[in-house]
Structure formats: structure tokens, C-alpha cells
Protein backbone atom coordinates (compact mmCIF):
# COMPACT_ATOMS: atom_id res chain seq x y z
CA MET A 1 -239.00 158.93 3.48
CA LYS A 2 -239.50 156.91 6.93
CA PRO A 3 -237.99 157.28 9.98
CA GLY A 4 -235.23 154.81 10.29
CA ARG A 5 -235.15 153.50 7.30
CA PHE A 6 -231.17 153.86 7.18
CA SER A 7 -229.53 152.81 9.87
CA ASN A 8 -226.37 155.01 11.73
CA PRO A 9 -223.45 154.45 9.25
CA LEU A 10 -220.84 154.24 12.48
CA ARG A 11 -222.86 151.36 13.77
CA ARG A 12 -221.93 149.31 10.28
CA LEU A 13 -218.38 149.60 11.69
CA ALA A 14 -218.78 147.25 14.44
CA PRO A 15 -217.51 144.44 12.70
CA ALA A 16 -214.53 145.87 11.52
CA LYS A 17 -213.49 147.44 14.77
CA ARG A 18 -214.03 143.83 16.25
CA LEU A 19 -211.83 142.51 13.57
CA LEU A 20 -209.34 145.32 14.16
CA GLY A 21 -208.36 145.04 17.33
CA PRO A 22 -206.77 141.52 17.36
CA LEU A 23 -204.98 142.92 14.02
CA ARG A 24 -203.67 145.84 16.06
CA ARG A 25 -202.29 143.20 18.75
CA LEU A 26 -200.34 141.50 15.88
CA SER A 27 -198.12 144.45 14.95
CA TRP A 28 -194.87 143.80 13.97
CA ARG A 29 -193.49 144.90 17.00
CA PRO A 30 -192.05 142.44 19.67
CA PRO A 31 -195.06 141.26 20.92
CA ASN A 32 -195.32 139.37 24.32
CA PRO A 33 -195.53 135.75 23.07
CA LEU A 34 -198.98 135.30 25.00
CA LYS A 35 -200.76 137.74 23.89
CA ARG A 36 -199.87 137.71 20.30
CA MET A 37 -201.24 133.66 20.84
CA ALA A 38 -204.29 135.23 22.27
CA ALA A 39 -204.52 137.80 19.26
CA ILE A 40 -204.10 134.98 16.90
CA GLU A 41 -207.21 133.04 18.63
CA SER A 42 -209.45 136.11 18.69
CA LEU A 43 -208.95 136.53 15.06
CA ASN A 44 -209.42 132.83 14.66
CA PHE A 45 -212.50 132.86 16.12
CA LEU A 46 -213.68 136.28 14.89
CA VAL A 47 -212.87 134.93 10.90
CA THR A 48 -214.05 130.89 11.27
CA ASN A 49 -216.93 131.53 13.02
CA ARG A 50 -218.43 134.25 10.77
CA ILE A 51 -218.13 132.92 7.18
CA PRO A 52 -220.56 129.85 5.39
CA ARG A 53 -218.38 127.18 8.22
CA VAL A 54 -220.20 124.01 6.38
CA ALA A 55 -219.47 125.23 2.97
CA LEU A 56 -215.97 126.30 3.63
CA THR A 57 -215.37 122.53 4.94
CA ARG A 58 -216.44 120.66 2.43
CA GLY A 59 -214.47 123.20 0.50
CA MET A 60 -211.60 121.97 2.63
CA GLY A 61 -212.18 118.76 2.19
CA TRP A 62 -212.11 118.97 -1.46
CA TYR A 63 -209.22 120.46 -1.65
CA SER A 64 -206.95 118.46 0.25
CA GLY A 65 -207.67 115.47 -1.36
CA ILE A 66 -206.05 117.34 -4.78
CA ARG A 67 -203.04 114.72 -5.54
CA SER A 68 -199.93 117.05 -6.09
CA PRO A 69 -197.08 117.02 -4.67
CA THR A 70 -196.15 120.61 -5.88
CA LEU A 71 -199.40 122.02 -4.34
CA THR A 72 -198.91 119.83 -1.17
CA ARG A 73 -195.23 121.25 -0.59
CA ALA A 74 -196.97 124.72 -1.54
CA SER A 75 -199.28 124.46 1.11
CA LEU A 76 -197.22 123.03 3.63
CA ALA A 77 -194.88 126.05 3.44
CA VAL A 78 -197.99 128.72 4.20
CA TRP A 79 -199.34 126.23 6.98
CA ARG A 80 -196.03 126.27 8.50
CA LEU A 81 -196.87 130.30 8.78
CA PHE A 82 -199.51 129.69 11.40
CA SER A 83 -198.44 126.49 13.25
CA ASP A 84 -195.55 124.28 14.55
CA ILE A 85 -196.01 121.31 12.50
CA ASP A 86 -193.79 118.86 12.83
CA LEU A 87 -193.02 115.94 10.55
CA ALA A 88 -189.93 114.73 11.96
CA GLU A 89 -191.83 111.72 13.94
CA ALA A 90 -194.21 111.10 10.74
CA GLU A 91 -193.31 107.56 8.22
CA PRO A 92 -190.63 109.13 5.57
CA ARG A 93 -192.98 109.63 2.45
CA ARG A 94 -193.54 111.86 -0.53
CA TYR A 95 -197.09 113.58 0.64
CA ARG A 96 -199.13 113.51 -2.53
CA SER A 97 -202.14 115.57 -0.73
CA LEU A 98 -202.52 117.85 2.29
CA GLN A 99 -204.93 114.88 3.29
CA GLU A 100 -201.81 112.40 3.22
CA VAL A 101 -200.16 115.04 5.68
CA PHE A 102 -203.36 115.18 7.93
CA THR A 103 -203.51 111.60 8.29
CA ARG A 104 -199.80 110.53 8.39
CA ARG A 105 -199.02 107.27 10.42
CA LEU A 106 -195.84 108.09 12.91
CA VAL A 107 -192.80 105.78 13.05
CA PRO A 108 -193.08 102.95 14.93
CA GLY A 109 -192.25 103.46 18.85
CA ALA A 110 -192.89 107.20 18.23
CA ARG A 111 -195.41 106.85 21.15
CA THR A 112 -195.17 104.83 24.54
CA VAL A 113 -198.71 103.51 25.40
CA ASP A 114 -198.73 102.82 29.50
CA PRO A 115 -198.09 99.26 30.72
CA ASP A 116 -200.21 100.19 34.06
CA PRO A 117 -203.27 98.32 33.55
CA GLY A 118 -204.81 100.48 36.12
CA VAL A 119 -204.21 103.42 33.61
CA LEU A 120 -206.44 104.79 30.91
CA ALA A 121 -204.42 106.11 28.23
CA SER A 122 -204.77 108.90 26.54
CA PRO A 123 -206.02 108.03 22.71
CA SER A 124 -204.18 110.68 21.30
CA ASP A 125 -201.79 113.94 20.87
CA ALA A 126 -203.70 116.52 22.68
CA ILE A 127 -203.92 119.52 24.46
CA VAL A 128 -206.05 119.31 27.74
CA GLY A 129 -209.12 121.21 28.02
CA ALA A 130 -211.58 121.28 30.55
CA CYS A 131 -211.82 118.32 32.95
CA GLY A 132 -213.34 117.17 36.35
CA ARG A 133 -216.24 115.23 37.28
CA VAL A 134 -220.43 114.60 35.95
CA GLU A 135 -222.13 116.39 38.59
CA GLY A 136 -226.04 116.90 38.09
CA GLY A 137 -225.64 115.70 34.41
CA MET A 138 -223.72 118.54 33.93
CA LEU A 139 -219.93 119.35 33.09
CA LEU A 140 -218.24 122.37 31.69
CA GLN A 141 -216.91 123.49 28.81
CA ALA A 142 -214.30 126.51 29.78
CA LYS A 143 -214.46 128.76 32.41
CA GLY A 144 -217.82 130.25 33.11
CA SER A 145 -219.53 127.83 30.91
CA SER A 146 -221.31 124.51 31.00
CA TYR A 147 -223.59 121.71 29.10
CA ARG A 148 -225.71 119.10 29.54
CA LEU A 149 -224.49 115.83 29.01
CA HIS A 150 -227.54 114.44 27.57
CA ASP A 151 -227.00 117.09 25.01
CA LEU A 152 -223.63 115.91 23.85
CA LEU A 153 -224.67 111.95 24.04
CA ARG A 154 -228.09 111.95 22.94
CA SER A 155 -228.27 109.08 25.25
CA ARG A 156 -230.30 108.66 28.83
CA GLU A 157 -228.51 105.83 29.54
CA GLY A 158 -225.18 107.08 28.81
CA GLU A 159 -226.25 110.28 30.88
CA ARG A 160 -226.90 107.37 33.94
CA GLU A 161 -223.61 105.69 33.32
CA PHE A 162 -221.19 108.61 33.47
CA GLU A 163 -222.84 110.31 36.11
CA GLY A 164 -220.51 110.90 38.93
CA GLY A 165 -217.93 110.06 37.05
CA VAL A 166 -214.98 111.97 35.47
CA TYR A 167 -214.27 113.76 32.08
CA ALA A 168 -211.64 114.79 29.88
CA THR A 169 -211.32 117.23 26.90
CA LEU A 170 -208.48 116.81 24.52
CA ARG A 171 -208.26 119.21 21.99
CA LEU A 172 -206.16 118.31 18.48
CA THR A 173 -204.33 121.06 16.97
CA SER A 174 -204.14 121.27 13.28
CA ALA A 175 -200.12 120.39 13.59
CA MET A 176 -200.92 117.29 15.59
CA TYR A 177 -200.72 113.76 14.95
CA HIS A 178 -204.51 113.45 14.04
CA ARG A 179 -205.05 109.49 14.39
CA PHE A 180 -206.78 108.08 17.67
CA HIS A 181 -206.29 105.07 19.38
CA ALA A 182 -207.54 102.38 22.26
CA PRO A 183 -207.02 103.86 25.83
CA HIS A 184 -207.21 100.12 27.35
CA ASP A 185 -208.35 96.90 26.14
CA LEU A 186 -211.96 97.20 25.16
CA THR A 187 -214.68 96.09 22.98
CA VAL A 188 -217.00 98.83 20.94
CA ASP A 189 -220.11 97.98 20.63
CA ARG A 190 -222.28 101.21 19.49
CA VAL A 191 -221.59 103.97 17.67
CA THR A 192 -223.64 107.14 17.16
CA TYR A 193 -223.40 109.63 14.75
CA VAL A 194 -225.02 112.97 15.62
CA SER A 195 -225.26 115.54 12.40
CA GLY A 196 -224.55 119.25 13.47
CA ASP A 197 -222.89 122.59 12.60
CA ALA A 198 -218.94 123.07 12.51
CA PHE A 199 -217.79 125.63 14.89
CA ASN A 200 -214.52 126.40 15.61
CA VAL A 201 -213.33 124.55 19.15
CA ASN A 202 -210.36 126.90 20.00
CA PRO A 203 -210.57 128.16 23.00
CA PRO A 204 -211.87 131.61 22.71
CA ALA A 205 -215.07 130.10 20.66
CA LEU A 206 -215.16 127.73 23.16
CA ALA A 207 -215.69 130.73 26.13
CA ARG A 208 -218.18 132.66 23.84
CA VAL A 209 -220.03 130.13 22.28
CA PRO A 210 -222.32 127.89 24.64
CA GLY A 211 -222.91 124.50 24.22
CA LEU A 212 -220.84 124.42 21.29
CA PHE A 213 -219.78 121.00 21.57
CA CYS A 214 -223.45 119.35 21.31
CA ARG A 215 -223.66 122.01 18.33
CA ASN A 216 -221.03 120.38 16.21
CA GLU A 217 -221.14 117.40 14.06
CA ARG A 218 -219.92 114.50 16.22
CA ALA A 219 -219.98 110.36 16.78
CA VAL A 220 -220.42 109.00 20.02
CA LEU A 221 -218.22 105.40 20.22
CA ARG A 222 -219.93 103.44 23.43
CA ALA A 223 -217.52 100.87 24.81
CA ARG A 224 -217.08 98.26 27.45
CA LEU A 225 -213.57 97.60 29.01
CA GLU A 226 -212.32 94.04 29.40
CA GLN A 227 -211.08 94.84 32.99
CA GLY A 228 -213.69 94.88 35.41
CA GLY A 229 -216.49 95.29 32.27
CA HIS A 230 -216.52 99.37 32.85
CA ARG A 231 -218.72 100.93 30.05
CA ILE A 232 -216.76 104.17 28.66
CA ALA A 233 -217.19 106.61 26.09
CA LEU A 234 -215.41 108.41 23.81
CA VAL A 235 -217.25 111.26 20.88
CA PRO A 236 -214.78 113.03 18.75
CA VAL A 237 -216.14 116.25 17.82
CA ALA A 238 -215.96 117.60 14.52
CA ALA A 239 -214.94 121.33 13.97
CA ILE A 240 -214.21 123.80 10.90
CA LEU A 241 -212.34 122.61 8.05
CA VAL A 242 -212.72 118.74 9.87
CA ALA A 243 -214.04 117.27 6.38
CA SER A 244 -214.54 113.71 8.13
CA ILE A 245 -214.01 111.49 10.49
CA ARG A 246 -212.69 107.59 9.85
CA LEU A 247 -213.48 104.91 12.52
CA HIS A 248 -212.53 101.20 12.06
CA CYS A 249 -214.89 99.76 14.32
CA ILE A 250 -217.61 100.60 11.59
CA ASP A 251 -215.77 101.12 8.19
CA VAL A 252 -217.84 103.82 7.69
CA LEU A 253 -216.24 107.62 6.02
CA LEU A 254 -218.21 110.16 8.39
CA ARG A 255 -218.30 113.26 6.19
CA LEU A 256 -220.44 116.52 6.86
CA ARG A 257 -224.44 115.74 6.35
CA HIS A 258 -223.83 112.38 6.87
CA ARG A 259 -226.83 110.74 4.87
CA GLY A 260 -226.53 107.14 6.18
CA PRO A 261 -227.23 105.31 9.10
CA HIS A 262 -227.01 107.61 12.20
CA GLU A 263 -226.43 104.42 14.66
CA TRP A 264 -224.38 101.33 14.31
CA THR A 265 -224.22 97.88 16.55
CA CYS A 266 -221.07 96.53 16.33
CA ASP A 267 -218.60 94.19 18.48
CA ALA A 268 -215.06 95.51 18.00
CA PRO A 269 -212.28 94.17 20.27
CA VAL A 270 -209.45 96.76 20.16
CA ARG A 271 -206.28 96.04 22.31
CA LYS A 272 -204.61 99.33 24.20
CA GLY A 273 -202.94 101.67 22.06
CA GLU A 274 -204.17 100.06 18.78
CA GLU A 275 -205.82 102.49 16.28
CA MET A 276 -209.30 103.21 16.53
CA GLY A 277 -209.74 106.29 13.88
CA TRP A 278 -208.61 109.46 12.74
CA PHE A 279 -209.49 112.60 11.98
CA GLU A 280 -208.62 114.54 8.72
CA HIS A 281 -207.79 117.82 10.41
CA GLY A 282 -207.47 119.02 14.38
CA SER A 283 -210.50 118.91 16.65
CA THR A 284 -211.76 117.43 19.63
CA ILE A 285 -211.99 113.96 21.75
CA ILE A 286 -214.13 113.73 24.85
CA VAL A 287 -213.45 111.15 27.20
CA PHE A 288 -216.00 110.00 29.52
CA ALA A 289 -215.22 107.38 32.43
CA PRO A 290 -218.10 106.11 35.13
CA ALA A 291 -217.93 106.35 38.57
CA GLY A 292 -214.49 104.98 40.71
CA PHE A 293 -212.16 106.19 38.21
CA GLU A 294 -210.06 109.47 38.69
CA LEU A 295 -207.95 111.69 36.78
CA ALA A 296 -204.54 110.99 36.31
CA PRO A 297 -202.03 113.07 38.38
CA GLY A 298 -200.76 116.57 36.39
CA ILE A 299 -204.30 116.08 34.40
CA ALA A 300 -205.34 119.65 33.98
CA PRO A 301 -206.29 122.67 31.41
CA GLY A 302 -203.52 123.35 29.27
CA ARG A 303 -201.72 120.19 29.82
CA ARG A 304 -200.03 118.75 26.48
CA LEU A 305 -200.38 115.15 26.35
CA ARG A 306 -198.89 112.56 23.85
CA MET A 307 -200.96 109.80 22.69
CA GLY A 308 -200.17 106.55 25.22
CA GLU A 309 -199.87 108.82 28.18
CA ALA A 310 -201.78 108.31 31.54
CA LEU A 311 -205.26 109.98 31.63
CA MET A 312 -207.51 108.62 34.30
CA ARG A 313 -206.67 105.94 36.92
CA LEU A 314 -208.68 102.67 36.72
CA PRO A 315 -210.77 102.15 40.51
CA PRO A 316 -207.80 100.60 42.35
CA ALA A 317 -210.24 97.61 43.34
CA GLN A 318 -210.55 96.47 39.59
CA ALA A 319 -206.24 97.18 38.59
CA PRO A 320 -205.21 93.72 38.69
CA GLU A 321 -201.19 92.94 39.05
CA ALA A 322 -199.14 93.87 36.38
CA ASP A 323 -197.79 90.61 35.39
CA THR A 324 -200.80 89.34 35.14
CA LEU A 325 -201.79 91.21 31.88
CA PRO A 326 -200.77 89.57 28.39
CA ALA A 327 -198.18 91.36 26.72
CA ALA A 328 -199.97 92.83 24.37
CA THR A 329 -201.60 95.32 26.38
CA ALA A 330 -197.92 97.16 26.90
CA ALA A 331 -197.60 97.29 23.42
CA ALA A 332 -196.40 100.77 22.13
CA ALA A 333 -196.25 101.89 18.71
CA ALA A 334 -198.57 104.64 16.58
CA GLY A 335 -199.31 103.33 13.40
CA ALA A 336 -198.67 99.73 14.38
């Protein structure tokens, strides 16, 4: 027998120990809520990033598309055990599949879009993650972990446009409203699809997986604001269980390992607050604006936002008086 053929059996227990740690913290004794949340997210990371992510995501896409009101009600009951999903603001309907729940519309008036022409609004409901200024082509993924803007956008032109500008990472949890909207009056002129993995995008994963956003599947929407001609970018990033991303501007359903074109030029004008597309599960949108823009007051990691609330401020010299803006810009409605 060759020495070293059999490894120390105790070493095989290491993965189990890593999994049991969060489980122990989820004991039935009344826990500290923050510690319990951290334990759930750690367990989530250990489970979802050590399984065949792409296969599971495709399986979730198939499962969520099954049309069965009974199965949907049962799935929702289980889902509510692990999330704070609230359908009170959704259009009243009898859901036939989980996909219909994920992509639900809201009743008119459920979201108010900030009418200030100097405000770039949040495109979605979200929890703010890393945000700040792009410096030297680098930006933060999480505290102590950064990545290159070029690796995310795959564009030297985009890297130049947003150097010195600001960015905000918006995380959509699985329980949130999944549709995203135009942050200002704009025209989408280019969409780039980047194939990739399907890592979880929760905080533990962002802290432990270097360059996660650059490794996951994503779309890069490049647009020009009607006001001042400023260039912005929205980057919807897929994640585990996100079966697809729908973008109205190209009318293409982007699924994992999309086999069609990877870049589209378009001319798609969208008014502030109008719907641009949706995820079929929670994920992330990263918003970029050029130098001269500033984060809106109060925007910081951990802040909860609703679609339409102020995210960034346009350069002061470029903001016209509010009464010169068309009335359509001040419209407020999700799913209108």
C-alpha cells in the first residue's frame, strides 16, 4: 500500500463542520435577531455555492413555470417560512405559477417616482449594497473586496465614461417586487449580454467570492439621458435561481447560457418610471453615472429603497427648473 493513499478521515469532516456551525446558531432558543439573520445567510452561502448552480437555476426555471394554482399556493406557504414576501401591493389575481408571483405587477400608485428633474431615481425596490465613486477603474463589491469596472462592463469605452463617476449596487431579495424601471427620461441605445456563472449574490457570498459580479451572467444596458445627454449604465446581474431576465428594449428573454446574439444596438426611449424589464427571481442591479453626479442624501449600504426614490443627483448646472419638465416625467406608477 502506498503511503498517503488514504487521507486522514477527520479531514473529511471539515465540510460538515462548516455546515453545522450556522445550523447550531439556528437553535430553537430565542436568538439575537441579527445573529439569526447572519446564520441564515451563512447557511444559504454554504448550501447554494457548493451545488451545481446552473443546473439548479435551470431546474428552478422549469419548476416556477409549472401552471398549477394548488402547487403555487403550497410553494408560497413554504416560501413565507424563509422570507417576508408581501403580496398586498400586487394586482389582485389568482396566481397559476411561481413565475407569475416573481414577475407580479403592482397596483397603480403603489410606487411614487420622484418628479425632481435633478434626481436619478432608483430603478427598483432594493437594499443598497456597495456604493461610491469609481476610482482608477476600481469599485467596491463589499468591504475589503474590489473589482475592475472593465471586467464587469467588458467595454473600454464604458470604463472611460464612468471613471470618476458614481455607482450604486442595488440588491433585490427574492421577496421583493422584481420589475425595474427607468431612473430618468432616457434612450437605451446598446445592450450587451455577458455569459457567466450563477453565484448567490447575498452579503456572505459578496464577501467571500472575489469579483463575483464579473463572474455571474449579466446584461449591460447603456443609455443616454434626455437631460444633458449624460451617459448612464444599468447592469442587471443574474444569480442562483434567477432563471431569466426580460428586457423590453430588445424583446428577448435572456436565459442562462443564451445562445443568440450577445450585443444589440437599439433606439428605445423610456420615460422616467416606465417599466424596462424584470427578473424571474431576486438579484442585483448596479447603476453607473458619470463624473459630476452625486449619490442622493442618505444613500449608504443597508438602506432600503423603493422604486422611484432618489438614488443619485444630476450635476446642478444641468438640472432645469421643475416647471419646465413635461408632466409625463412626474408620473408615478409601477406596472402602469
